Amino acid sequence: MMQKLPFEFSHGGYIKEQTGQQRTALRALTTEAIDVETDFDYLFPDSARDPNSLLPAENNKDIIQKLKDLGEAIIDRQDPESEDTNSIIPPVYTYWGQFIDHDITANTDRAVTDLQTDITKDDFTPLSPDFVTDKLKNLRRPIFDLDSVYGDGPTLDPENPTQAKDFYQEDDPVKLKVGQNAEQDANGAPTPGAKIPPENDLLRDLPRNNRIAAIADSRNDENLIVAQFHTAFLRFHNAVVDWVRQNEPQNAQDNKTLFVRAQTLVRWHYQWLVVNDFLKTVTANGTVDSILSDGLKFYHPRNGNLFMPLEFSVAAYRFGHSMVRAAYDYNRNFTDQPGALTDATFLLLFIFTGKRDLGGGKDGPGPNDTLPFNWIIEWDRFVSKESAAKRQRNSARKIDTHLAFPLSNLINEGNGEEGSEDPIQLLLKHLAKRNLLRGYFLSIPTGQSLADQLGIEKLTVEELKQDNSPELNQALEPFLEKTPAWYYILKESEVRANGDSLGEVGSRIVAETIIGLMQNDPSSYLNERDYHDVWNPSKGVKLPNGGEIRSIGDFLKFAGVLPE
């Protein structure tokens, strides 16, 4: 049984937070997370409490410096990305993974006053697992219910307004608001570049209030690709509402029934795609089918309650960071092809967000009130497995121990005073160092310990050193016997799967956690059965040609953001 959690359709709320350091008095309050606390715990609590399964807690200052050295060594230099860094995974999976993370977790990367210290200190002491599980709380429900999209639902009774009422359309309250793309900037200057098909569709931005996204999780406006992905979910929901009205009139007789039916269909399609498209793409062949047929071996609710495994959140699921490219074949205006306005660099993909005034940051070309039409994504460049198989720009980077250079300086993270060289702010901007230090701080078992627990052959010292630069091997030397879990999982993918999927340890933790959370959620598609058959897309909405939603490309087509 899953614990009864707040934030059901009929009640709940979200935490409001002033964004952008109150840069402008006009800025609206936006949502940061729903108002809920659930548990983090260890998938393997005995390992987390066994000193032999952890990095040494003594000589902590020395370990911290060596982890920083390792984090520095796995960042690529600022050279053009070579083709041998490309995987066979399309780039959409990088940002789909980020969207999933925001749907089920929040808090492992933030300063938590209850934890009394943080990774920005150069001599912190790793926390005891009991302290971590008692004090660190997940500000999300660990179920795939899209609360990051819906909040606590629409206001269908004016006497009982929901916290999320401003996310929904006034004239059709069962539909979500979508933002209008700008054809000129805030000063009236025309926007350069070509229109993105379908050219007459300029409802392809997040809804905004004074440029800040009015959505249920502001993290989904961190970079432009995840923002466009969130926009697709808004559009998909609205298209499902239309489909139900046309095809299931019995479910459209009142707004409450209509919304619940549409939301349920959206959730089930999303969950099915997470298992049958996302997971099967990023994990080793057979992993998902094995869990679905043979059952869960490692993830089980604690005391009847769902929990989010720390080995997943702090280590295994951060594999997506290595898939990030320094630049993308984004659309016909922003690419490396002749005739483009400029390349779609990682920097620009962060600047054209609400957090940076949609191009109004100091490096941007000028402020826009909403996303300019020339920055609408062309999803066909992001979803094709045929294109990705060529290992060119329409690929995510390999899952390996080589991270794109921009991840050493995340411009929307750790920002203090303009031009500040504060070491704390610089650390928060460096993703690799932050991941390694967070794992040490929260007593995450080593990669070797996780392999033992899962019954998987451990990486040898030779495998850990394989194809590394001399500088990386020097930084890795202190960790050859006890390797930080995040690094280990990336290296396992690199040497045992050519970076084209997770290896066995990473695959099992990621797939077991995601499927485990769904199987233990009574409302998920895995628990919706008809004559013993689990729900599948044949029982859901259909494309205009009658096709089923069986891939992320189908999902984007139904949403109207990927032309047929």
Protein backbone atom coordinates (compact mmCIF):
# COMPACT_ATOMS: atom_id res chain seq x y z
CA MET A 1 0.00 0.00 0.00
CA MET A 2 1.19 3.47 -0.82
CA GLN A 3 1.05 6.09 1.89
CA LYS A 4 -1.74 8.64 1.55
CA LEU A 5 -0.08 11.82 0.45
CA PRO A 6 -1.42 15.36 0.23
CA PHE A 7 -1.98 17.22 -3.04
CA GLU A 8 -4.79 15.15 -4.47
CA PHE A 9 -7.04 16.65 -7.13
CA SER A 10 -9.41 18.13 -4.57
CA HIS A 11 -6.91 19.82 -2.30
CA GLY A 12 -3.28 20.72 -1.74
CA GLY A 13 -0.94 23.47 -2.74
CA TYR A 14 2.52 24.46 -3.72
CA ILE A 15 5.37 26.41 -2.22
CA LYS A 16 5.75 29.91 -3.57
CA GLU A 17 9.19 31.35 -4.04
CA GLN A 18 10.36 34.71 -5.30
CA THR A 19 12.43 33.94 -8.39
CA GLY A 20 15.48 35.69 -9.76
CA GLN A 21 16.56 37.21 -6.47
CA GLN A 22 13.63 39.63 -6.80
CA ARG A 23 15.42 41.19 -9.77
CA THR A 24 12.33 43.19 -10.59
CA ALA A 25 9.59 44.34 -8.25
CA LEU A 26 7.09 43.44 -10.98
CA ARG A 27 8.03 39.76 -10.97
CA ALA A 28 5.20 37.45 -10.05
CA LEU A 29 5.45 34.74 -7.45
CA THR A 30 6.02 31.43 -9.21
CA THR A 31 5.81 27.87 -8.07
CA GLU A 32 8.86 26.00 -6.95
CA ALA A 33 7.34 22.72 -5.75
CA ILE A 34 4.14 21.29 -4.42
CA ASP A 35 3.55 21.48 -0.71
CA VAL A 36 4.49 17.95 0.24
CA GLU A 37 7.28 16.06 1.99
CA THR A 38 8.05 12.40 1.29
CA ASP A 39 10.94 10.16 2.28
CA PHE A 40 14.38 9.60 0.88
CA ASP A 41 15.99 6.35 1.95
CA TYR A 42 18.74 4.01 0.83
CA LEU A 43 18.01 1.16 -1.54
CA PHE A 44 20.76 -0.72 0.34
CA PRO A 45 20.68 0.67 3.89
CA ASP A 46 23.13 -1.90 5.22
CA SER A 47 25.77 -0.75 2.74
CA ALA A 48 25.17 2.89 3.64
CA ARG A 49 25.93 2.00 7.27
CA ASP A 50 29.00 -0.14 6.50
CA PRO A 51 32.26 1.86 6.50
CA ASN A 52 33.76 -0.71 4.10
CA SER A 53 31.12 0.24 1.53
CA LEU A 54 31.76 3.98 1.75
CA LEU A 55 34.51 6.44 0.94
CA PRO A 56 36.60 7.02 4.10
CA ALA A 57 35.03 9.45 6.55
CA GLU A 58 38.43 10.17 8.12
CA ASN A 59 40.83 12.48 6.28
CA ASN A 60 37.69 14.10 4.98
CA LYS A 61 39.42 17.30 3.90
CA ASP A 62 41.83 15.26 1.77
CA ILE A 63 39.00 13.20 0.25
CA ILE A 64 37.05 16.38 -0.55
CA GLN A 65 40.00 17.88 -2.41
CA LYS A 66 40.59 14.65 -4.33
CA LEU A 67 36.90 14.51 -5.31
CA LYS A 68 37.18 18.06 -6.62
CA ASP A 69 40.26 17.05 -8.61
CA LEU A 70 38.35 14.11 -10.09
CA GLY A 71 35.41 16.36 -10.97
CA GLU A 72 37.75 18.74 -12.77
CA ALA A 73 39.40 15.90 -14.70
CA ILE A 74 36.18 14.61 -16.28
CA ILE A 75 35.18 17.91 -17.88
CA ASP A 76 36.13 18.23 -21.54
CA ARG A 77 38.18 21.20 -22.58
CA GLN A 78 36.47 23.81 -24.74
CA ASP A 79 37.26 22.12 -28.05
CA PRO A 80 34.67 21.18 -30.69
CA GLU A 81 32.92 17.95 -29.72
CA SER A 82 34.35 15.05 -31.70
CA GLU A 83 32.14 12.38 -33.25
CA ASP A 84 33.52 9.73 -30.90
CA THR A 85 31.64 11.47 -28.07
CA ASN A 86 28.27 10.73 -29.74
CA SER A 87 25.93 7.92 -28.70
CA ILE A 88 23.09 6.27 -30.59
CA ILE A 89 20.55 7.91 -28.24
CA PRO A 90 18.56 10.85 -29.65
CA PRO A 91 19.00 14.13 -27.72
CA VAL A 92 15.39 14.29 -26.51
CA TYR A 93 16.14 11.55 -23.95
CA THR A 94 18.58 13.85 -22.13
CA TYR A 95 15.86 16.39 -21.39
CA TRP A 96 13.04 13.91 -21.03
CA GLY A 97 15.17 12.46 -18.24
CA GLN A 98 15.44 15.90 -16.66
CA PHE A 99 11.67 16.38 -16.89
CA ILE A 100 11.11 12.99 -15.18
CA ASP A 101 13.52 13.93 -12.41
CA HIS A 102 11.61 17.15 -11.73
CA ASP A 103 8.35 15.20 -11.59
CA ILE A 104 9.48 12.81 -8.86
CA THR A 105 12.27 14.52 -6.87
CA ALA A 106 13.24 17.86 -5.42
CA ASN A 107 15.71 18.83 -2.73
CA THR A 108 18.91 16.77 -2.98
CA ASP A 109 20.84 19.71 -4.45
CA ARG A 110 19.65 22.48 -2.20
CA ALA A 111 21.03 23.86 1.02
CA VAL A 112 18.87 22.30 3.70
CA THR A 113 18.98 24.09 7.00
CA ASP A 114 18.16 20.91 8.90
CA LEU A 115 21.34 19.30 7.57
CA GLN A 116 23.38 22.02 9.33
CA THR A 117 26.21 22.03 6.80
CA ASP A 118 26.68 21.70 3.07
CA ILE A 119 29.11 20.61 0.36
CA THR A 120 30.37 24.15 -0.14
CA LYS A 121 32.60 23.76 2.93
CA ASP A 122 36.04 22.27 2.26
CA ASP A 123 36.03 20.17 5.44
CA PHE A 124 32.46 18.90 5.80
CA THR A 125 31.92 15.55 7.48
CA PRO A 126 29.79 12.92 5.70
CA LEU A 127 26.41 12.60 7.35
CA SER A 128 25.25 9.43 9.03
CA PRO A 129 22.56 7.59 7.03
CA ASP A 130 20.14 7.83 9.97
CA PHE A 131 20.57 11.59 10.03
CA VAL A 132 20.10 11.83 6.27
CA THR A 133 16.90 9.80 6.17
CA ASP A 134 15.50 11.67 9.16
CA LYS A 135 16.25 15.19 7.95
CA LEU A 136 16.42 15.15 4.15
CA LYS A 137 12.93 15.18 2.64
CA ASN A 138 11.79 14.90 -0.95
CA LEU A 139 9.60 17.85 -1.92
CA ARG A 140 7.86 15.73 -4.52
CA ARG A 141 5.59 12.71 -4.45
CA PRO A 142 7.65 9.84 -5.89
CA ILE A 143 4.92 8.84 -8.33
CA PHE A 144 4.55 9.70 -12.00
CA ASP A 145 1.47 11.89 -11.62
CA LEU A 146 2.73 15.01 -13.44
CA ASP A 147 2.18 17.31 -10.48
CA SER A 148 4.96 19.36 -12.08
CA VAL A 149 2.41 20.08 -14.85
CA TYR A 150 -0.96 20.04 -13.07
CA GLY A 151 -0.30 21.45 -9.62
CA ASP A 152 -3.42 20.76 -7.61
CA GLY A 153 -5.66 21.03 -10.65
CA PRO A 154 -8.06 23.61 -12.10
CA THR A 155 -10.59 25.70 -10.25
CA LEU A 156 -13.91 24.19 -11.25
CA ASP A 157 -15.80 25.60 -8.27
CA PRO A 158 -15.22 29.34 -7.80
CA GLU A 159 -16.01 28.93 -4.11
CA ASN A 160 -13.00 26.58 -3.74
CA PRO A 161 -10.13 27.96 -5.82
CA THR A 162 -7.08 25.76 -6.26
CA GLN A 163 -3.54 26.97 -5.72
CA ALA A 164 -2.82 26.21 -9.38
CA LYS A 165 -5.82 28.11 -10.78
CA ASP A 166 -3.61 30.56 -12.73
CA PHE A 167 -2.13 27.70 -14.78
CA TYR A 168 -5.51 27.02 -16.40
CA GLN A 169 -7.42 28.88 -19.09
CA GLU A 170 -10.16 31.25 -17.92
CA ASP A 171 -12.62 30.44 -20.71
CA ASP A 172 -12.00 26.67 -20.69
CA PRO A 173 -10.83 25.82 -17.17
CA VAL A 174 -10.08 22.16 -17.90
CA LYS A 175 -7.31 23.23 -20.30
CA LEU A 176 -3.84 24.49 -19.39
CA LYS A 177 -2.53 27.86 -20.50
CA VAL A 178 0.10 27.91 -23.26
CA GLY A 179 2.31 30.88 -24.10
CA GLN A 180 2.37 32.91 -27.29
CA ASN A 181 5.67 33.25 -29.16
CA ALA A 182 6.89 36.77 -29.92
CA GLU A 183 7.35 38.10 -33.45
CA GLN A 184 9.24 41.15 -32.20
CA ASP A 185 11.26 41.96 -29.12
CA ALA A 186 10.12 44.14 -26.23
CA ASN A 187 11.42 47.22 -28.02
CA GLY A 188 9.40 46.50 -31.15
CA ALA A 189 12.31 45.33 -33.29
CA PRO A 190 11.37 42.43 -35.61
CA THR A 191 12.71 38.99 -34.76
CA PRO A 192 15.08 37.62 -37.41
CA GLY A 193 15.00 34.13 -38.85
CA ALA A 194 12.62 31.64 -40.40
CA LYS A 195 9.29 30.47 -38.99
CA ILE A 196 9.24 26.90 -37.64
CA PRO A 197 6.59 24.56 -39.09
CA PRO A 198 3.70 24.60 -38.58
CA GLU A 199 4.45 28.27 -39.33
CA ASN A 200 1.07 29.66 -38.24
CA ASP A 201 1.30 28.00 -34.82
CA LEU A 202 2.84 30.49 -32.42
CA LEU A 203 1.44 28.89 -29.25
CA ARG A 204 4.68 27.11 -28.44
CA ASP A 205 6.00 28.74 -25.29
CA LEU A 206 5.38 28.29 -21.60
CA PRO A 207 2.75 30.68 -20.22
CA ARG A 208 4.58 33.63 -18.70
CA ASN A 209 4.00 36.44 -16.23
CA ASN A 210 6.57 39.21 -16.62
CA ARG A 211 8.70 36.71 -18.54
CA ILE A 212 8.75 34.16 -15.68
CA ALA A 213 7.11 30.83 -16.49
CA ALA A 214 3.76 30.31 -14.77
CA ILE A 215 4.17 26.55 -14.34
CA ALA A 216 4.08 24.13 -11.44
CA ASP A 217 7.86 23.61 -11.31
CA SER A 218 10.09 26.52 -12.28
CA ARG A 219 13.00 24.12 -12.83
CA ASN A 220 11.36 23.26 -16.15
CA ASP A 221 12.42 26.68 -17.43
CA GLU A 222 16.09 26.10 -16.52
CA ASN A 223 17.06 25.54 -20.14
CA LEU A 224 15.17 25.99 -23.37
CA ILE A 225 14.94 22.32 -24.36
CA VAL A 226 13.27 21.18 -21.14
CA ALA A 227 11.03 24.28 -21.35
CA GLN A 228 9.91 23.27 -24.84
CA PHE A 229 9.38 19.71 -23.57
CA HIS A 230 7.15 21.01 -20.76
CA THR A 231 5.28 23.09 -23.35
CA ALA A 232 4.61 19.86 -25.27
CA PHE A 233 2.96 18.41 -22.16
CA LEU A 234 0.69 21.44 -21.86
CA ARG A 235 -0.26 21.01 -25.51
CA PHE A 236 -0.69 17.24 -25.17
CA HIS A 237 -3.12 17.66 -22.26
CA ASN A 238 -5.20 20.20 -24.19
CA ALA A 239 -5.27 17.91 -27.24
CA VAL A 240 -6.43 15.02 -25.02
CA VAL A 241 -9.27 17.21 -23.68
CA ASP A 242 -10.38 17.83 -27.27
CA TRP A 243 -10.08 14.12 -28.08
CA VAL A 244 -12.21 13.09 -25.09
CA ARG A 245 -14.88 15.63 -26.04
CA GLN A 246 -15.01 14.22 -29.55
CA ASN A 247 -14.58 10.50 -28.86
CA GLU A 248 -15.90 9.93 -25.33
CA PRO A 249 -18.89 12.26 -24.89
CA GLN A 250 -19.95 10.26 -21.84
CA ASN A 251 -16.78 11.49 -20.12
CA ALA A 252 -17.30 15.12 -21.13
CA GLN A 253 -20.70 15.84 -19.59
CA ASP A 254 -19.22 18.02 -16.83
CA ASN A 255 -15.85 19.67 -16.32
CA LYS A 256 -14.85 17.57 -13.31
CA THR A 257 -15.42 14.28 -15.13
CA LEU A 258 -13.75 15.62 -18.27
CA PHE A 259 -10.65 16.86 -16.46
CA VAL A 260 -10.17 13.66 -14.46
CA ARG A 261 -10.53 11.53 -17.60
CA ALA A 262 -8.12 13.70 -19.63
CA GLN A 263 -5.57 13.87 -16.82
CA THR A 264 -5.74 10.11 -16.32
CA LEU A 265 -5.12 9.47 -20.02
CA VAL A 266 -2.20 11.90 -20.07
CA ARG A 267 -0.64 10.25 -17.02
CA TRP A 268 -1.03 6.73 -18.38
CA HIS A 269 0.43 7.64 -21.78
CA TYR A 270 3.34 9.36 -20.03
CA GLN A 271 3.96 6.44 -17.68
CA TRP A 272 3.76 3.87 -20.48
CA LEU A 273 6.24 5.87 -22.55
CA VAL A 274 8.61 6.26 -19.57
CA VAL A 275 8.77 2.47 -19.21
CA ASN A 276 8.53 1.33 -22.84
CA ASP A 277 10.40 4.10 -24.64
CA PHE A 278 12.59 6.07 -22.21
CA LEU A 279 13.77 3.21 -19.99
CA LYS A 280 14.21 0.74 -22.85
CA THR A 281 16.35 3.30 -24.67
CA VAL A 282 18.70 4.26 -21.83
CA THR A 283 19.07 0.91 -20.03
CA ALA A 284 20.77 -2.33 -21.08
CA ASN A 285 18.75 -4.61 -23.37
CA GLY A 286 16.39 -6.87 -21.47
CA THR A 287 16.51 -5.00 -18.16
CA VAL A 288 12.99 -3.57 -18.35
CA ASP A 289 11.39 -6.77 -19.68
CA SER A 290 13.13 -8.79 -16.97
CA ILE A 291 11.71 -6.60 -14.20
CA LEU A 292 8.22 -6.56 -15.73
CA SER A 293 8.16 -10.36 -16.13
CA ASP A 294 10.15 -11.54 -13.11
CA GLY A 295 9.21 -8.85 -10.60
CA LEU A 296 11.12 -6.43 -8.42
CA LYS A 297 14.16 -7.73 -6.59
CA PHE A 298 15.46 -4.67 -4.78
CA TYR A 299 12.88 -1.87 -4.58
CA HIS A 300 10.18 -2.44 -1.98
CA PRO A 301 8.19 0.12 0.04
CA ARG A 302 9.42 0.72 3.59
CA ASN A 303 6.81 0.33 6.29
CA GLY A 304 4.20 0.41 3.55
CA ASN A 305 5.43 3.75 2.23
CA LEU A 306 7.01 4.66 -1.07
CA PHE A 307 10.42 6.28 -0.82
CA MET A 308 12.95 7.75 -3.23
CA PRO A 309 16.24 5.81 -3.18
CA LEU A 310 19.26 8.01 -2.61
CA GLU A 311 21.44 5.71 -4.75
CA PHE A 312 19.06 6.60 -7.60
CA SER A 313 18.67 10.35 -6.99
CA VAL A 314 22.23 11.18 -5.99
CA ALA A 315 24.14 8.76 -8.22
CA ALA A 316 22.58 6.48 -10.84
CA TYR A 317 19.98 8.82 -12.28
CA ARG A 318 22.52 11.58 -12.78
CA PHE A 319 23.79 9.70 -15.83
CA GLY A 320 21.93 12.24 -17.97
CA HIS A 321 24.49 14.90 -17.13
CA SER A 322 27.04 13.13 -19.32
CA MET A 323 24.58 13.12 -22.27
CA VAL A 324 24.43 16.93 -22.49
CA ARG A 325 25.95 18.42 -25.64
CA ALA A 326 27.81 21.73 -25.79
CA ALA A 327 25.72 22.70 -28.85
CA TYR A 328 22.72 21.30 -30.72
CA ASP A 329 21.19 21.11 -34.16
CA TYR A 330 18.27 22.95 -32.56
CA ASN A 331 16.30 24.36 -35.48
CA ARG A 332 16.88 25.93 -38.90
CA ASN A 333 17.86 29.24 -37.28
CA PHE A 334 20.20 27.93 -34.59
CA THR A 335 22.53 25.20 -35.80
CA ASP A 336 25.98 24.78 -37.29
CA GLN A 337 24.63 24.57 -40.83
CA PRO A 338 25.15 27.30 -43.48
CA GLY A 339 22.57 30.09 -43.42
CA ALA A 340 21.82 29.81 -39.69
CA LEU A 341 21.73 32.88 -37.46
CA THR A 342 24.25 31.28 -35.09
CA ASP A 343 24.86 27.96 -33.37
CA ALA A 344 22.58 26.69 -30.59
CA THR A 345 25.19 26.70 -27.85
CA PHE A 346 24.46 25.47 -24.36
CA LEU A 347 24.96 29.07 -23.18
CA LEU A 348 22.21 30.39 -25.47
CA LEU A 349 19.89 27.55 -24.46
CA PHE A 350 20.17 28.78 -20.87
CA ILE A 351 19.91 32.47 -21.76
CA PHE A 352 16.62 32.09 -23.64
CA THR A 353 14.70 31.16 -20.49
CA GLY A 354 12.70 33.16 -18.01
CA LYS A 355 15.57 32.98 -15.57
CA ARG A 356 17.63 35.06 -17.99
CA ASP A 357 14.88 37.36 -19.27
CA LEU A 358 14.51 35.37 -22.53
CA GLY A 359 17.72 36.72 -23.98
CA GLY A 360 18.03 39.71 -21.68
CA GLY A 361 21.02 38.54 -19.66
CA LYS A 362 24.28 40.40 -20.08
CA ASP A 363 25.31 38.07 -22.91
CA GLY A 364 21.93 38.07 -24.64
CA PRO A 365 20.85 40.08 -27.68
CA GLY A 366 18.02 41.90 -25.89
CA PRO A 367 14.95 41.30 -23.75
CA ASN A 368 11.84 39.54 -25.02
CA ASP A 369 8.53 39.28 -23.23
CA THR A 370 7.93 35.73 -24.46
CA LEU A 371 10.05 33.23 -26.36
CA PRO A 372 10.86 34.57 -29.86
CA PHE A 373 9.41 32.49 -32.70
CA ASN A 374 12.91 31.83 -34.04
CA TRP A 375 13.70 29.78 -30.91
CA ILE A 376 10.82 27.28 -31.26
CA ILE A 377 12.38 23.81 -31.25
CA GLU A 378 12.26 21.51 -34.28
CA TRP A 379 11.62 18.21 -32.55
CA ASP A 380 12.36 16.09 -35.63
CA ARG A 381 16.03 16.92 -35.01
CA PHE A 382 15.82 15.50 -31.48
CA VAL A 383 13.76 12.28 -31.66
CA SER A 384 15.03 10.26 -34.62
CA LYS A 385 16.84 7.05 -33.70
CA GLU A 386 17.90 6.68 -37.33
CA SER A 387 19.68 10.04 -37.21
CA ALA A 388 21.19 9.29 -33.81
CA ALA A 389 22.55 5.96 -35.09
CA LYS A 390 24.84 7.93 -37.42
CA ARG A 391 26.59 9.29 -34.28
CA GLN A 392 26.48 12.86 -35.49
CA ARG A 393 24.96 16.01 -34.04
CA ASN A 394 21.48 14.52 -33.75
CA SER A 395 22.78 12.29 -30.96
CA ALA A 396 23.10 12.74 -27.25
CA ARG A 397 26.65 12.42 -25.98
CA LYS A 398 27.70 9.02 -24.73
CA ILE A 399 26.97 8.02 -21.15
CA ASP A 400 30.58 8.12 -20.00
CA THR A 401 33.14 9.89 -17.84
CA HIS A 402 33.58 12.82 -20.22
CA LEU A 403 31.24 15.76 -19.60
CA ALA A 404 30.68 18.70 -21.93
CA PHE A 405 32.67 21.80 -21.05
CA PRO A 406 29.65 24.07 -20.29
CA LEU A 407 28.75 21.85 -17.31
CA SER A 408 31.70 23.37 -15.48
CA ASN A 409 29.96 26.76 -15.48
CA LEU A 410 26.17 26.57 -15.26
CA ILE A 411 25.06 30.15 -15.78
CA ASN A 412 21.66 29.79 -14.07
CA GLU A 413 23.12 28.19 -10.94
CA GLY A 414 25.03 29.58 -7.96
CA ASN A 415 24.67 33.21 -8.94
CA GLY A 416 25.66 35.81 -6.39
CA GLU A 417 26.83 39.32 -7.09
CA GLU A 418 27.61 40.12 -10.71
CA GLY A 419 31.21 39.14 -11.47
CA SER A 420 31.61 37.37 -8.15
CA GLU A 421 34.42 34.82 -7.89
CA ASP A 422 33.07 33.48 -4.61
CA PRO A 423 34.29 29.86 -4.30
CA ILE A 424 30.89 28.66 -3.08
CA GLN A 425 29.14 30.10 -6.12
CA LEU A 426 31.79 28.64 -8.44
CA LEU A 427 31.35 25.19 -6.90
CA LEU A 428 27.58 25.28 -7.37
CA LYS A 429 28.17 26.06 -11.04
CA HIS A 430 30.46 23.03 -11.52
CA LEU A 431 28.16 20.05 -11.99
CA ALA A 432 30.74 17.26 -11.79
CA LYS A 433 32.28 18.47 -8.54
CA ARG A 434 28.86 19.03 -7.06
CA ASN A 435 27.69 15.50 -7.92
CA LEU A 436 30.78 13.86 -6.45
CA LEU A 437 30.73 15.90 -3.25
CA ARG A 438 27.00 15.38 -2.75
CA GLY A 439 27.45 11.62 -2.95
CA TYR A 440 30.19 11.75 -0.31
CA PHE A 441 28.19 14.10 1.92
CA LEU A 442 25.10 11.85 1.87
CA SER A 443 26.98 8.57 2.44
CA ILE A 444 26.15 6.95 -0.90
CA PRO A 445 27.72 3.46 -1.12
CA THR A 446 30.57 3.04 -3.60
CA GLY A 447 30.06 1.62 -7.07
CA GLN A 448 31.79 -1.61 -6.07
CA SER A 449 29.43 -2.02 -3.12
CA LEU A 450 26.39 -1.47 -5.34
CA ALA A 451 27.65 -4.07 -7.81
CA ASP A 452 28.07 -6.57 -4.97
CA GLN A 453 24.56 -5.91 -3.69
CA LEU A 454 23.10 -6.37 -7.18
CA GLY A 455 25.13 -9.51 -7.87
CA ILE A 456 26.91 -7.93 -10.86
CA GLU A 457 30.58 -8.41 -11.70
CA LYS A 458 32.53 -5.39 -10.50
CA LEU A 459 34.62 -3.23 -12.80
CA THR A 460 38.29 -4.18 -12.66
CA VAL A 461 41.04 -1.64 -12.02
CA GLU A 462 41.97 -2.04 -15.68
CA GLU A 463 38.41 -1.19 -16.74
CA LEU A 464 38.34 1.83 -14.45
CA LYS A 465 41.55 3.09 -16.09
CA GLN A 466 40.61 2.12 -19.64
CA ASP A 467 41.00 4.87 -22.27
CA ASN A 468 41.54 7.55 -19.62
CA SER A 469 43.90 10.45 -20.03
CA PRO A 470 46.96 10.43 -17.76
CA GLU A 471 45.42 13.36 -15.87
CA LEU A 472 42.17 11.50 -15.26
CA ASN A 473 43.95 8.35 -14.12
CA GLN A 474 46.03 10.41 -11.72
CA ALA A 475 42.85 11.95 -10.24
CA LEU A 476 41.19 8.53 -10.13
CA GLU A 477 44.08 6.77 -8.37
CA PRO A 478 42.75 7.32 -4.80
CA PHE A 479 39.37 5.85 -5.81
CA LEU A 480 40.29 2.68 -7.71
CA GLU A 481 39.18 0.34 -4.90
CA LYS A 482 36.32 2.51 -3.63
CA THR A 483 34.89 4.49 -6.51
CA PRO A 484 32.20 7.18 -6.11
CA ALA A 485 28.92 5.65 -7.31
CA TRP A 486 28.11 8.36 -9.86
CA TYR A 487 31.52 8.09 -11.51
CA TYR A 488 31.44 4.28 -11.38
CA ILE A 489 28.06 4.11 -13.13
CA LEU A 490 29.29 6.41 -15.92
CA LYS A 491 32.47 4.36 -16.35
CA GLU A 492 30.52 1.10 -16.38
CA SER A 493 28.44 2.44 -19.25
CA GLU A 494 31.57 3.62 -21.05
CA VAL A 495 33.52 0.34 -20.93
CA ARG A 496 30.70 -2.23 -20.99
CA ALA A 497 28.05 -0.54 -23.19
CA ASN A 498 30.15 1.81 -25.35
CA GLY A 499 28.25 4.71 -23.78
CA ASP A 500 25.12 3.75 -25.76
CA SER A 501 23.13 2.78 -22.66
CA LEU A 502 23.70 2.38 -18.96
CA GLY A 503 25.65 -0.67 -17.82
CA GLU A 504 24.14 -3.37 -15.63
CA VAL A 505 24.49 -1.60 -12.27
CA GLY A 506 23.15 1.71 -13.55
CA SER A 507 20.40 0.02 -15.58
CA ARG A 508 19.15 -2.06 -12.66
CA ILE A 509 19.03 0.83 -10.17
CA VAL A 510 17.32 3.19 -12.61
CA ALA A 511 14.81 0.70 -14.03
CA GLU A 512 14.08 -0.99 -10.69
CA THR A 513 13.39 2.37 -9.04
CA ILE A 514 11.14 3.77 -11.76
CA ILE A 515 9.17 0.55 -12.30
CA GLY A 516 9.08 -0.06 -8.54
CA LEU A 517 7.52 3.35 -7.92
CA MET A 518 4.91 2.72 -10.63
CA GLN A 519 4.05 -0.82 -9.56
CA ASN A 520 3.47 0.41 -6.00
CA ASP A 521 1.24 3.30 -7.11
CA PRO A 522 -2.35 1.98 -7.27
CA SER A 523 -3.29 4.66 -9.81
CA SER A 524 -0.51 3.94 -12.36
CA TYR A 525 -1.11 2.31 -15.72
CA LEU A 526 0.60 -0.87 -14.47
CA ASN A 527 -2.29 -1.34 -12.06
CA GLU A 528 -5.04 -0.61 -14.58
CA ARG A 529 -6.11 -3.99 -15.89
CA ASP A 530 -8.82 -5.12 -18.27
CA TYR A 531 -9.34 -8.90 -18.32
CA HIS A 532 -5.84 -9.24 -16.78
CA ASP A 533 -4.25 -7.14 -19.55
CA VAL A 534 -2.31 -4.08 -18.39
CA TRP A 535 -3.38 -0.77 -19.95
CA ASN A 536 -1.53 0.05 -23.16
CA PRO A 537 -1.72 2.77 -25.85
CA SER A 538 -4.30 0.83 -27.89
CA LYS A 539 -6.75 1.87 -25.16
CA GLY A 540 -5.74 5.54 -25.25
CA VAL A 541 -5.95 8.51 -27.58
CA LYS A 542 -5.16 8.10 -31.27
CA LEU A 543 -3.38 10.24 -33.83
CA PRO A 544 -5.50 11.65 -36.69
CA ASN A 545 -4.38 8.74 -38.89
CA GLY A 546 -5.49 6.26 -36.24
CA GLY A 547 -1.97 5.57 -35.01
CA GLU A 548 -1.25 4.84 -31.36
CA ILE A 549 1.06 6.81 -29.04
CA ARG A 550 3.97 4.35 -28.80
CA SER A 551 7.02 6.64 -28.91
CA ILE A 552 7.99 10.10 -27.75
CA GLY A 553 7.72 11.17 -31.39
CA ASP A 554 4.08 10.05 -31.45
CA PHE A 555 3.47 11.99 -28.24
CA LEU A 556 4.91 15.18 -29.75
CA LYS A 557 2.85 14.70 -32.93
CA PHE A 558 -0.37 14.38 -30.94
CA ALA A 559 0.60 17.55 -29.06
CA GLY A 560 0.91 19.32 -32.42
CA VAL A 561 4.53 20.38 -31.90
CA LEU A 562 6.04 17.80 -34.29
CA PRO A 563 4.46 17.99 -37.76
CA GLU A 564 3.24 14.69 -39.21
